[in-house]
PDB file of all heavy atoms in Angstrom:
ATOM      1  N   ARG A   1     -91.660  15.454-119.414  1.00  0.00           N
ATOM      2  CA  ARG A   1     -91.328  16.648-120.203  1.00  0.00           C
ATOM      3  C   ARG A   1     -91.856  17.918-119.530  1.00  0.00           C
ATOM      4  O   ARG A   1     -91.193  18.947-119.523  1.00  0.00           O
ATOM      5  CB  ARG A   1     -91.870  16.518-121.629  1.00  0.00           C
ATOM      6  CG  ARG A   1     -91.092  15.533-122.483  1.00  0.00           C
ATOM      7  CD  ARG A   1     -91.401  15.701-123.965  1.00  0.00           C
ATOM      8  NE  ARG A   1     -92.821  15.537-124.255  1.00  0.00           N
ATOM      9  CZ  ARG A   1     -93.426  14.365-124.483  1.00  0.00           C
ATOM     10  NH1 ARG A   1     -92.718  13.251-124.442  1.00  0.00           N
ATOM     11  NH2 ARG A   1     -94.710  14.318-124.760  1.00  0.00           N
ATOM     12  N   THR A   2     -93.046  17.829-118.938  1.00  0.00           N
ATOM     13  CA  THR A   2     -93.604  18.982-118.218  1.00  0.00           C
ATOM     14  C   THR A   2     -92.740  19.320-117.003  1.00  0.00           C
ATOM     15  O   THR A   2     -92.439  20.493-116.741  1.00  0.00           O
ATOM     16  CB  THR A   2     -95.059  18.695-117.783  1.00  0.00           C
ATOM     17  OG1 THR A   2     -95.838  18.399-118.949  1.00  0.00           O
ATOM     18  CG2 THR A   2     -95.660  19.881-117.047  1.00  0.00           C
ATOM     19  N   LEU A   3     -92.315  18.292-116.257  1.00  0.00           N
ATOM     20  CA  LEU A   3     -91.438  18.515-115.103  1.00  0.00           C
ATOM     21  C   LEU A   3     -90.120  19.152-115.544  1.00  0.00           C
ATOM     22  O   LEU A   3     -89.616  20.063-114.891  1.00  0.00           O
ATOM     23  CB  LEU A   3     -91.162  17.199-114.374  1.00  0.00           C
ATOM     24  CG  LEU A   3     -92.355  16.539-113.690  1.00  0.00           C
ATOM     25  CD1 LEU A   3     -91.951  15.179-113.128  1.00  0.00           C
ATOM     26  CD2 LEU A   3     -92.933  17.416-112.605  1.00  0.00           C
ATOM     27  N   GLU A   4     -89.584  18.663-116.650  1.00  0.00           N
ATOM     28  CA  GLU A   4     -88.340  19.219-117.192  1.00  0.00           C
ATOM     29  C   GLU A   4     -88.505  20.713-117.449  1.00  0.00           C
ATOM     30  O   GLU A   4     -87.649  21.522-117.062  1.00  0.00           O
ATOM     31  CB  GLU A   4     -87.989  18.485-118.484  1.00  0.00           C
ATOM     32  CG  GLU A   4     -86.712  18.914-119.140  1.00  0.00           C
ATOM     33  CD  GLU A   4     -86.436  18.120-120.423  1.00  0.00           C
ATOM     34  OE1 GLU A   4     -87.007  17.024-120.606  1.00  0.00           O
ATOM     35  OE2 GLU A   4     -85.645  18.612-121.238  1.00  0.00           O
ATOM     36  N   ALA A   5     -89.613  21.111-118.064  1.00  0.00           N
ATOM     37  CA  ALA A   5     -89.856  22.523-118.345  1.00  0.00           C
ATOM     38  C   ALA A   5     -89.978  23.323-117.052  1.00  0.00           C
ATOM     39  O   ALA A   5     -89.409  24.417-116.938  1.00  0.00           O
ATOM     40  CB  ALA A   5     -91.127  22.670-119.179  1.00  0.00           C
ATOM     41  N   LEU A   6     -90.712  22.791-116.069  1.00  0.00           N
ATOM     42  CA  LEU A   6     -90.865  23.495-114.796  1.00  0.00           C
ATOM     43  C   LEU A   6     -89.516  23.710-114.120  1.00  0.00           C
ATOM     44  O   LEU A   6     -89.243  24.784-113.585  1.00  0.00           O
ATOM     45  CB  LEU A   6     -91.794  22.709-113.866  1.00  0.00           C
ATOM     46  CG  LEU A   6     -93.275  22.672-114.259  1.00  0.00           C
ATOM     47  CD1 LEU A   6     -94.024  21.661-113.404  1.00  0.00           C
ATOM     48  CD2 LEU A   6     -93.902  24.051-114.136  1.00  0.00           C
ATOM     49  N   LEU A   7     -88.668  22.687-114.143  1.00  0.00           N
ATOM     50  CA  LEU A   7     -87.367  22.781-113.475  1.00  0.00           C
ATOM     51  C   LEU A   7     -86.423  23.727-114.222  1.00  0.00           C
ATOM     52  O   LEU A   7     -85.583  24.372-113.602  1.00  0.00           O
ATOM     53  CB  LEU A   7     -86.747  21.393-113.333  1.00  0.00           C
ATOM     54  CG  LEU A   7     -87.487  20.464-112.362  1.00  0.00           C
ATOM     55  CD1 LEU A   7     -87.008  19.027-112.503  1.00  0.00           C
ATOM     56  CD2 LEU A   7     -87.333  20.939-110.928  1.00  0.00           C
ATOM     57  N   VAL A   8     -86.580  23.820-115.526  1.00  0.00           N
ATOM     58  CA  VAL A   8     -85.742  24.748-116.303  1.00  0.00           C
ATOM     59  C   VAL A   8     -86.103  26.195-115.987  1.00  0.00           C
ATOM     60  O   VAL A   8     -85.228  27.037-115.842  1.00  0.00           O
ATOM     61  CB  VAL A   8     -85.868  24.462-117.819  1.00  0.00           C
ATOM     62  CG1 VAL A   8     -85.339  25.621-118.650  1.00  0.00           C
ATOM     63  CG2 VAL A   8     -85.131  23.187-118.181  1.00  0.00           C
ATOM     64  N   VAL A   9     -87.390  26.489-115.837  1.00  0.00           N
ATOM     65  CA  VAL A   9     -87.785  27.877-115.611  1.00  0.00           C
ATOM     66  C   VAL A   9     -87.743  28.283-114.138  1.00  0.00           C
ATOM     67  O   VAL A   9     -87.781  29.471-113.823  1.00  0.00           O
ATOM     68  CB  VAL A   9     -89.194  28.185-116.188  1.00  0.00           C
ATOM     69  CG1 VAL A   9     -89.218  27.954-117.682  1.00  0.00           C
ATOM     70  CG2 VAL A   9     -90.278  27.387-115.485  1.00  0.00           C
ATOM     71  N   ALA A  10     -87.637  27.318-113.228  1.00  0.00           N
ATOM     72  CA  ALA A  10     -87.628  27.624-111.791  1.00  0.00           C
ATOM     73  C   ALA A  10     -86.315  28.284-111.390  1.00  0.00           C
ATOM     74  O   ALA A  10     -85.251  27.920-111.869  1.00  0.00           O
ATOM     75  CB  ALA A  10     -87.840  26.353-110.979  1.00  0.00           C
ATOM     76  N   SER A  11     -86.417  29.235-110.468  1.00  0.00           N
ATOM     77  CA  SER A  11     -85.214  29.922-109.996  1.00  0.00           C
ATOM     78  C   SER A  11     -84.615  29.240-108.761  1.00  0.00           C
ATOM     79  O   SER A  11     -83.553  29.631-108.297  1.00  0.00           O
ATOM     80  CB  SER A  11     -85.538  31.377-109.678  1.00  0.00           C
ATOM     81  OG  SER A  11     -86.530  31.439-108.666  1.00  0.00           O
ATOM     82  N   GLN A  12     -85.306  28.233-108.233  1.00  0.00           N
ATOM     83  CA  GLN A  12     -84.811  27.513-107.056  1.00  0.00           C
ATOM     84  C   GLN A  12     -85.317  26.078-107.124  1.00  0.00           C
ATOM     85  O   GLN A  12     -86.212  25.774-107.905  1.00  0.00           O
ATOM     86  CB  GLN A  12     -85.300  28.187-105.782  1.00  0.00           C
ATOM     87  CG  GLN A  12     -86.811  28.220-105.654  1.00  0.00           C
ATOM     88  CD  GLN A  12     -87.261  29.104-104.502  1.00  0.00           C
ATOM     89  OE1 GLN A  12     -86.500  29.905-103.986  1.00  0.00           O
ATOM     90  NE2 GLN A  12     -88.500  28.940-104.083  1.00  0.00           N
ATOM     91  N   PRO A  13     -84.740  25.186-106.320  1.00  0.00           N
ATOM     92  CA  PRO A  13     -85.206  23.798-106.331  1.00  0.00           C
ATOM     93  C   PRO A  13     -86.693  23.696-105.994  1.00  0.00           C
ATOM     94  O   PRO A  13     -87.209  24.464-105.184  1.00  0.00           O
ATOM     95  CB  PRO A  13     -84.354  23.129-105.245  1.00  0.00           C
ATOM     96  CG  PRO A  13     -83.122  23.968-105.165  1.00  0.00           C
ATOM     97  CD  PRO A  13     -83.587  25.375-105.418  1.00  0.00           C
ATOM     98  N   LEU A  14     -87.377  22.754-106.646  1.00  0.00           N
ATOM     99  CA  LEU A  14     -88.798  22.538-106.420  1.00  0.00           C
ATOM    100  C   LEU A  14     -89.006  21.178-105.763  1.00  0.00           C
ATOM    101  O   LEU A  14     -88.415  20.187-106.192  1.00  0.00           O
ATOM    102  CB  LEU A  14     -89.568  22.584-107.742  1.00  0.00           C
ATOM    103  CG  LEU A  14     -89.520  23.908-108.505  1.00  0.00           C
ATOM    104  CD1 LEU A  14     -90.204  23.769-109.862  1.00  0.00           C
ATOM    105  CD2 LEU A  14     -90.178  25.016-107.702  1.00  0.00           C
ATOM    106  N   SER A  15     -89.847  21.135-104.746  1.00  0.00           N
ATOM    107  CA  SER A  15     -90.142  19.881-104.055  1.00  0.00           C
ATOM    108  C   SER A  15     -91.116  19.057-104.886  1.00  0.00           C
ATOM    109  O   SER A  15     -91.776  19.564-105.795  1.00  0.00           O
ATOM    110  CB  SER A  15     -90.740  20.159-102.682  1.00  0.00           C
ATOM    111  OG  SER A  15     -92.036  20.716-102.833  1.00  0.00           O
ATOM    112  N   VAL A  16     -91.222  17.772-104.543  1.00  0.00           N
ATOM    113  CA  VAL A  16     -92.182  16.896-105.222  1.00  0.00           C
ATOM    114  C   VAL A  16     -93.590  17.457-105.054  1.00  0.00           C
ATOM    115  O   VAL A  16     -94.387  17.468-106.000  1.00  0.00           O
ATOM    116  CB  VAL A  16     -92.077  15.445-104.682  1.00  0.00           C
ATOM    117  CG1 VAL A  16     -93.229  14.595-105.186  1.00  0.00           C
ATOM    118  CG2 VAL A  16     -90.739  14.828-105.078  1.00  0.00           C
ATOM    119  N   ALA A  17     -93.915  17.961-103.855  1.00  0.00           N
ATOM    120  CA  ALA A  17     -95.246  18.518-103.614  1.00  0.00           C
ATOM    121  C   ALA A  17     -95.513  19.721-104.524  1.00  0.00           C
ATOM    122  O   ALA A  17     -96.612  19.853-105.087  1.00  0.00           O
ATOM    123  CB  ALA A  17     -95.388  18.924-102.145  1.00  0.00           C
ATOM    124  N   GLU A  18     -94.519  20.596-104.680  1.00  0.00           N
ATOM    125  CA  GLU A  18     -94.688  21.767-105.558  1.00  0.00           C
ATOM    126  C   GLU A  18     -94.857  21.340-107.009  1.00  0.00           C
ATOM    127  O   GLU A  18     -95.681  21.890-107.746  1.00  0.00           O
ATOM    128  CB  GLU A  18     -93.483  22.707-105.435  1.00  0.00           C
ATOM    129  CG  GLU A  18     -93.409  23.426-104.096  1.00  0.00           C
ATOM    130  CD  GLU A  18     -92.097  24.157-103.895  1.00  0.00           C
ATOM    131  OE1 GLU A  18     -91.021  23.588-104.214  1.00  0.00           O
ATOM    132  OE2 GLU A  18     -92.147  25.303-103.404  1.00  0.00           O
ATOM    133  N   LEU A  19     -94.079  20.333-107.423  1.00  0.00           N
ATOM    134  CA  LEU A  19     -94.185  19.838-108.800  1.00  0.00           C
ATOM    135  C   LEU A  19     -95.532  19.159-109.031  1.00  0.00           C
ATOM    136  O   LEU A  19     -96.147  19.327-110.090  1.00  0.00           O
ATOM    137  CB  LEU A  19     -93.028  18.879-109.105  1.00  0.00           C
ATOM    138  CG  LEU A  19     -91.650  19.535-109.193  1.00  0.00           C
ATOM    139  CD1 LEU A  19     -90.549  18.488-109.173  1.00  0.00           C
ATOM    140  CD2 LEU A  19     -91.546  20.394-110.447  1.00  0.00           C
ATOM    141  N   ALA A  20     -96.006  18.405-108.043  1.00  0.00           N
ATOM    142  CA  ALA A  20     -97.307  17.733-108.164  1.00  0.00           C
ATOM    143  C   ALA A  20     -98.424  18.774-108.284  1.00  0.00           C
ATOM    144  O   ALA A  20     -99.343  18.634-109.093  1.00  0.00           O
ATOM    145  CB  ALA A  20     -97.541  16.816-106.970  1.00  0.00           C
ATOM    146  N   GLU A  21     -98.332  19.838-107.477  1.00  0.00           N
ATOM    147  CA  GLU A  21     -99.351  20.894-107.531  1.00  0.00           C
ATOM    148  C   GLU A  21     -99.335  21.593-108.884  1.00  0.00           C
ATOM    149  O   GLU A  21    -100.382  21.845-109.471  1.00  0.00           O
ATOM    150  CB  GLU A  21     -99.108  21.906-106.406  1.00  0.00           C
ATOM    151  CG  GLU A  21    -100.170  22.987-106.351  1.00  0.00           C
ATOM    152  CD  GLU A  21     -99.928  23.992-105.237  1.00  0.00           C
ATOM    153  OE1 GLU A  21     -99.214  23.665-104.270  1.00  0.00           O
ATOM    154  OE2 GLU A  21    -100.459  25.112-105.337  1.00  0.00           O
ATOM    155  N   ALA A  22     -98.130  21.907-109.383  1.00  0.00           N
ATOM    156  CA  ALA A  22     -98.013  22.617-110.659  1.00  0.00           C
ATOM    157  C   ALA A  22     -98.511  21.784-111.834  1.00  0.00           C
ATOM    158  O   ALA A  22     -99.107  22.320-112.774  1.00  0.00           O
ATOM    159  CB  ALA A  22     -96.564  23.043-110.894  1.00  0.00           C
ATOM    160  N   THR A  23     -98.293  20.478-111.782  1.00  0.00           N
ATOM    161  CA  THR A  23     -98.702  19.607-112.887  1.00  0.00           C
ATOM    162  C   THR A  23    -100.121  19.083-112.720  1.00  0.00           C
ATOM    163  O   THR A  23    -100.702  18.551-113.672  1.00  0.00           O
ATOM    164  CB  THR A  23     -97.756  18.395-113.010  1.00  0.00           C
ATOM    165  OG1 THR A  23     -97.781  17.653-111.782  1.00  0.00           O
ATOM    166  CG2 THR A  23     -96.352  18.828-113.359  1.00  0.00           C
ATOM    167  N   GLY A  24    -100.672  19.215-111.516  1.00  0.00           N
ATOM    168  CA  GLY A  24    -101.995  18.659-111.260  1.00  0.00           C
ATOM    169  C   GLY A  24    -101.973  17.144-111.230  1.00  0.00           C
ATOM    170  O   GLY A  24    -102.980  16.482-111.470  1.00  0.00           O
ATOM    171  N   ASP A  25    -100.807  16.571-110.932  1.00  0.00           N
ATOM    172  CA  ASP A  25    -100.646  15.115-110.898  1.00  0.00           C
ATOM    173  C   ASP A  25    -100.320  14.684-109.476  1.00  0.00           C
ATOM    174  O   ASP A  25    -100.055  15.514-108.615  1.00  0.00           O
ATOM    175  CB  ASP A  25     -99.519  14.702-111.857  1.00  0.00           C
ATOM    176  CG  ASP A  25     -99.813  13.398-112.574  1.00  0.00           C
ATOM    177  OD1 ASP A  25    -100.268  12.452-111.895  1.00  0.00           O
ATOM    178  OD2 ASP A  25     -99.592  13.335-113.794  1.00  0.00           O
ATOM    179  N   ASP A  26    -100.333  13.377-109.237  1.00  0.00           N
ATOM    180  CA  ASP A  26    -100.049  12.922-107.867  1.00  0.00           C
ATOM    181  C   ASP A  26     -98.553  12.753-107.636  1.00  0.00           C
ATOM    182  O   ASP A  26     -97.776  12.565-108.577  1.00  0.00           O
ATOM    183  CB  ASP A  26    -100.818  11.633-107.522  1.00  0.00           C
ATOM    184  CG  ASP A  26    -100.368  10.444-108.342  1.00  0.00           C
ATOM    185  OD1 ASP A  26     -99.304   9.878-108.026  1.00  0.00           O
ATOM    186  OD2 ASP A  26    -101.081  10.088-109.303  1.00  0.00           O
TER     187      ASP A  26
END
């Protein structure tokens, strides 16, 4: 659900590394 929110508000594609950093997860 957190990833879903990040991808909805992002203006461009996000890499796994960017998503991991934003969520603080691996």
